[in-house]
Amino acid sequence: MTNYGTFYGIVVGPGDPELMTVKAQKVLQKARYVFTPIAGEGRESIAHTIARQFISPDATITKLIFPMIRDKALCEKSWEENSHQIASVLKQGTDAAFLTLGDPMTYSTYGYLLKKMKDLYPQVKSVTIPGIPSYLAVAAAANLPLVEGSEILTLIPGTTPPDKIREFLSTSDTILFLKHHRNAETIYNILNEMNLGDKALYVSRCGFEEHQTTTQPTTDFLEKPDYLSLIIVKK
């Protein structure tokens, strides 16, 4: 019977290495195999860049490609192939860590990978180490309380249909748009249509010091919306 190592999901936070948890740092310092996601061949891993200083110099770093596409079949193929690659290390009885940005259980690549690992290798022990999600880091950076009392907070992925976006904007007190970069123009137009443009805050690269941008959504941000960005609408 194979004695598998433990599969660790390590959250590196929104961008600032100092926002990584102590637990995440300790696991990475001991890990000998670290897997990190990239969007395509030759691309850099933002998660690895953030966590680099905490990874042992003796660790083996492996980049796993997770294509940013909507083709479910191709996505399933990448999740399965990457699960097998991680399992090849775990089968040796060695622990493996997978790096992920933001929150591991909210619109995360890690969430899909974790489900696939459970399906293919149910005998593997998985340990997920949570961290600071981007929207909480943004709210803290802006000194903006997201909700108080009985106010309602809603998270909306950018792929949400326009009619549902209007509905949530009408019924919630604070709305957070995540993964919105491919649907930025639609969101921008709806905010203006509902007279909420002046209630919105666009933040990109939170925690990346010199690269962080905070502004109201304008036509400028539509030209090249950043993948690492979000919109907060506080009514």
Protein backbone atom coordinates (compact mmCIF):
# COMPACT_ATOMS: atom_id res chain seq x y z
CA MET A 1 0.00 0.00 0.00
CA THR A 2 1.37 3.40 -1.00
CA ASN A 3 2.01 5.86 1.82
CA TYR A 4 1.30 9.19 0.21
CA GLY A 5 2.75 12.47 1.37
CA THR A 6 0.49 15.39 2.32
CA PHE A 7 -0.80 17.80 -0.30
CA TYR A 8 -0.63 21.38 0.99
CA GLY A 9 -2.53 24.27 -0.54
CA ILE A 10 -0.58 27.40 0.39
CA VAL A 11 -2.17 30.82 0.05
CA VAL A 12 0.40 33.54 -0.62
CA GLY A 13 -2.04 36.40 -0.07
CA PRO A 14 -2.92 39.34 -2.32
CA GLY A 15 0.60 40.47 -3.19
CA ASP A 16 2.57 41.67 -0.19
CA PRO A 17 4.81 38.83 1.10
CA GLU A 18 4.42 40.18 4.64
CA LEU A 19 0.71 39.33 4.47
CA MET A 20 1.44 35.61 4.18
CA THR A 21 0.52 33.72 7.33
CA VAL A 22 3.18 32.36 9.68
CA LYS A 23 1.79 28.86 9.11
CA ALA A 24 2.17 29.19 5.34
CA GLN A 25 5.75 30.37 5.75
CA LYS A 26 6.63 27.45 8.03
CA VAL A 27 5.23 24.85 5.64
CA LEU A 28 7.07 26.36 2.69
CA GLN A 29 10.35 26.43 4.59
CA LYS A 30 10.09 22.66 5.06
CA ALA A 31 8.62 21.73 1.67
CA ARG A 32 11.00 20.02 -0.76
CA TYR A 33 8.56 20.10 -3.68
CA VAL A 34 6.65 23.28 -4.53
CA PHE A 35 4.21 23.54 -7.43
CA THR A 36 3.16 26.93 -8.73
CA PRO A 37 0.58 27.88 -11.39
CA ILE A 38 1.24 29.74 -14.64
CA ALA A 39 -1.15 30.72 -17.44
CA GLY A 40 1.04 29.47 -20.29
CA GLU A 41 4.45 28.28 -21.44
CA GLY A 42 7.23 30.74 -20.61
CA ARG A 43 5.04 32.78 -18.25
CA GLU A 44 6.12 33.82 -14.78
CA SER A 45 4.31 32.74 -11.64
CA ILE A 46 3.10 35.67 -9.56
CA ALA A 47 2.44 33.35 -6.62
CA HIS A 48 6.04 32.10 -6.71
CA THR A 49 7.37 35.66 -6.88
CA ILE A 50 5.46 36.54 -3.71
CA ALA A 51 6.47 33.42 -1.77
CA ARG A 52 10.03 33.03 -3.08
CA GLN A 53 11.79 34.32 0.04
CA PHE A 54 10.09 31.69 2.22
CA ILE A 55 10.87 28.66 0.02
CA SER A 56 13.84 26.50 0.92
CA PRO A 57 16.77 26.88 -1.52
CA ASP A 58 16.83 23.07 -1.68
CA ALA A 59 13.22 22.84 -2.88
CA THR A 60 12.31 21.72 -6.38
CA ILE A 61 10.03 24.29 -8.03
CA THR A 62 7.68 23.03 -10.75
CA LYS A 63 5.47 25.30 -12.85
CA LEU A 64 2.08 23.87 -13.79
CA ILE A 65 0.15 25.34 -16.72
CA PHE A 66 -3.48 26.20 -16.07
CA PRO A 67 -4.78 27.81 -19.29
CA MET A 68 -7.08 30.78 -18.72
CA ILE A 69 -9.80 29.65 -21.11
CA ARG A 70 -13.51 28.83 -20.92
CA ASP A 71 -13.23 25.49 -22.71
CA LYS A 72 -14.33 23.12 -19.93
CA ALA A 73 -12.85 20.03 -21.61
CA LEU A 74 -9.39 21.59 -21.92
CA CYS A 75 -9.57 22.87 -18.36
CA GLU A 76 -10.52 19.40 -17.11
CA LYS A 77 -7.56 17.97 -19.01
CA SER A 78 -5.12 20.41 -17.38
CA TRP A 79 -6.52 19.78 -13.88
CA GLU A 80 -6.16 16.03 -14.38
CA GLU A 81 -2.64 16.19 -15.83
CA ASN A 82 -1.47 18.52 -13.07
CA SER A 83 -3.03 16.28 -10.42
CA HIS A 84 -1.08 13.31 -11.77
CA GLN A 85 2.15 15.32 -11.73
CA ILE A 86 1.67 16.35 -8.11
CA ALA A 87 0.70 12.81 -7.17
CA SER A 88 3.95 11.48 -8.66
CA VAL A 89 5.73 13.29 -5.82
CA LEU A 90 3.20 12.35 -3.16
CA LYS A 91 3.54 8.65 -4.09
CA GLN A 92 7.14 8.82 -2.88
CA GLY A 93 5.84 9.60 0.60
CA THR A 94 6.99 13.20 0.19
CA ASP A 95 4.86 16.24 0.97
CA ALA A 96 4.10 18.73 -1.81
CA ALA A 97 2.93 22.34 -1.65
CA PHE A 98 0.84 24.19 -4.23
CA LEU A 99 0.90 27.99 -4.24
CA THR A 100 -2.23 30.01 -4.89
CA LEU A 101 -3.19 33.69 -4.82
CA GLY A 102 -5.94 35.31 -2.77
CA ASP A 103 -8.44 32.99 -1.12
CA PRO A 104 -8.13 29.25 -1.90
CA MET A 105 -11.87 28.63 -1.78
CA THR A 106 -13.15 31.65 -3.73
CA TYR A 107 -12.95 31.54 -7.56
CA SER A 108 -9.58 29.86 -7.21
CA THR A 109 -7.58 27.60 -9.52
CA TYR A 110 -6.66 25.67 -6.41
CA GLY A 111 -10.31 24.84 -5.77
CA TYR A 112 -10.59 23.01 -9.11
CA LEU A 113 -7.28 21.25 -8.54
CA LEU A 114 -8.28 20.17 -5.04
CA LYS A 115 -11.52 18.62 -6.29
CA LYS A 116 -9.65 16.74 -9.00
CA MET A 117 -7.06 15.49 -6.51
CA LYS A 118 -9.86 14.20 -4.26
CA ASP A 119 -11.50 12.41 -7.20
CA LEU A 120 -8.31 10.80 -8.53
CA TYR A 121 -6.43 10.26 -5.26
CA PRO A 122 -8.95 10.05 -2.40
CA GLN A 123 -6.28 8.45 -0.18
CA VAL A 124 -4.18 11.64 -0.21
CA LYS A 125 -4.44 13.92 2.81
CA SER A 126 -5.04 17.51 1.77
CA VAL A 127 -4.33 20.48 4.03
CA THR A 128 -5.40 23.94 2.92
CA ILE A 129 -3.79 26.91 4.64
CA PRO A 130 -6.01 29.99 4.27
CA GLY A 131 -4.75 33.51 3.85
CA ILE A 132 -5.87 37.07 3.22
CA PRO A 133 -8.15 37.39 0.16
CA SER A 134 -7.65 40.34 -2.16
CA TYR A 135 -10.92 42.09 -1.36
CA LEU A 136 -10.15 42.21 2.37
CA ALA A 137 -6.67 43.54 1.65
CA VAL A 138 -8.17 46.20 -0.62
CA ALA A 139 -10.75 47.22 1.99
CA ALA A 140 -8.01 47.52 4.62
CA ALA A 141 -5.75 49.51 2.29
CA ALA A 142 -8.61 51.93 1.56
CA ASN A 143 -9.73 52.02 5.24
CA LEU A 144 -13.17 51.10 3.94
CA PRO A 145 -15.51 49.03 6.16
CA LEU A 146 -17.27 46.70 3.74
CA VAL A 147 -20.45 46.05 5.72
CA GLU A 148 -21.87 47.06 9.08
CA GLY A 149 -24.90 46.02 11.08
CA SER A 150 -27.38 44.19 8.85
CA GLU A 151 -25.84 45.30 5.55
CA ILE A 152 -25.44 42.67 2.82
CA LEU A 153 -22.15 41.88 1.07
CA THR A 154 -22.21 40.21 -2.35
CA LEU A 155 -19.33 38.72 -4.36
CA ILE A 156 -19.88 38.72 -8.11
CA PRO A 157 -17.66 37.06 -10.73
CA GLY A 158 -17.16 39.18 -13.83
CA THR A 159 -18.80 36.51 -15.98
CA THR A 160 -22.19 37.11 -14.35
CA PRO A 161 -24.95 37.97 -16.89
CA PRO A 162 -25.91 41.68 -17.00
CA ASP A 163 -29.43 41.13 -15.65
CA LYS A 164 -28.06 39.35 -12.59
CA ILE A 165 -25.48 42.12 -12.07
CA ARG A 166 -28.28 44.69 -12.03
CA GLU A 167 -30.24 42.57 -9.57
CA PHE A 168 -27.35 42.22 -7.12
CA LEU A 169 -26.48 45.91 -7.40
CA SER A 170 -30.10 46.72 -6.53
CA THR A 171 -30.42 44.39 -3.54
CA SER A 172 -26.97 44.48 -1.89
CA ASP A 173 -25.31 47.21 0.15
CA THR A 174 -21.75 46.41 -0.89
CA ILE A 175 -20.83 44.58 -4.08
CA LEU A 176 -17.43 43.15 -4.97
CA PHE A 177 -16.59 42.31 -8.58
CA LEU A 178 -13.86 39.67 -8.85
CA LYS A 179 -12.33 38.21 -12.03
CA HIS A 180 -14.01 41.05 -13.91
CA HIS A 181 -11.26 41.94 -16.39
CA ARG A 182 -12.92 40.23 -19.38
CA ASN A 183 -16.25 41.91 -18.75
CA ALA A 184 -15.04 45.34 -17.62
CA GLU A 185 -16.90 47.39 -20.21
CA THR A 186 -20.26 45.80 -19.41
CA ILE A 187 -19.79 46.38 -15.68
CA TYR A 188 -18.68 49.97 -16.26
CA ASN A 189 -21.77 50.70 -18.39
CA ILE A 190 -24.14 49.14 -15.86
CA LEU A 191 -22.64 51.15 -13.00
CA ASN A 192 -23.19 54.37 -14.93
CA GLU A 193 -26.65 53.29 -16.02
CA MET A 194 -27.60 52.77 -12.35
CA ASN A 195 -25.88 55.99 -11.20
CA LEU A 196 -23.37 54.04 -9.13
CA GLY A 197 -20.18 55.15 -10.84
CA ASP A 198 -19.29 57.54 -8.02
CA LYS A 199 -19.86 54.75 -5.48
CA ALA A 200 -17.33 52.43 -7.12
CA LEU A 201 -13.64 51.93 -6.41
CA TYR A 202 -11.29 50.20 -8.84
CA VAL A 203 -8.13 48.74 -7.29
CA SER A 204 -5.38 46.84 -9.09
CA ARG A 205 -2.19 45.16 -7.86
CA CYS A 206 -3.08 45.64 -4.19
CA GLY A 207 -0.02 44.90 -2.07
CA PHE A 208 2.44 45.28 -4.93
CA GLU A 209 3.80 48.56 -3.53
CA GLU A 210 4.77 50.76 -6.51
CA HIS A 211 2.27 49.07 -8.84
CA GLN A 212 -0.89 49.47 -6.75
CA THR A 213 -3.59 51.66 -8.34
CA THR A 214 -6.74 52.96 -6.67
CA THR A 215 -9.25 55.04 -8.62
CA GLN A 216 -12.85 55.35 -9.64
CA PRO A 217 -13.70 53.22 -12.69
CA THR A 218 -13.33 55.33 -15.85
CA THR A 219 -12.96 54.71 -19.56
CA ASP A 220 -9.19 54.63 -18.93
CA PHE A 221 -9.39 51.41 -16.95
CA LEU A 222 -11.37 49.79 -19.77
CA GLU A 223 -8.41 50.00 -22.13
CA LYS A 224 -6.45 47.30 -20.31
CA PRO A 225 -8.12 46.08 -17.11
CA ASP A 226 -5.65 44.23 -14.91
CA TYR A 227 -6.24 40.57 -14.09
CA LEU A 228 -5.16 41.32 -10.52
CA SER A 229 -7.86 43.88 -9.87
CA LEU A 230 -11.34 44.22 -8.46
CA ILE A 231 -14.16 46.73 -8.13
CA ILE A 232 -15.88 47.60 -4.85
CA VAL A 233 -19.26 49.30 -4.97
CA LYS A 234 -20.20 50.69 -1.57
CA LYS A 235 -23.72 52.17 -1.64
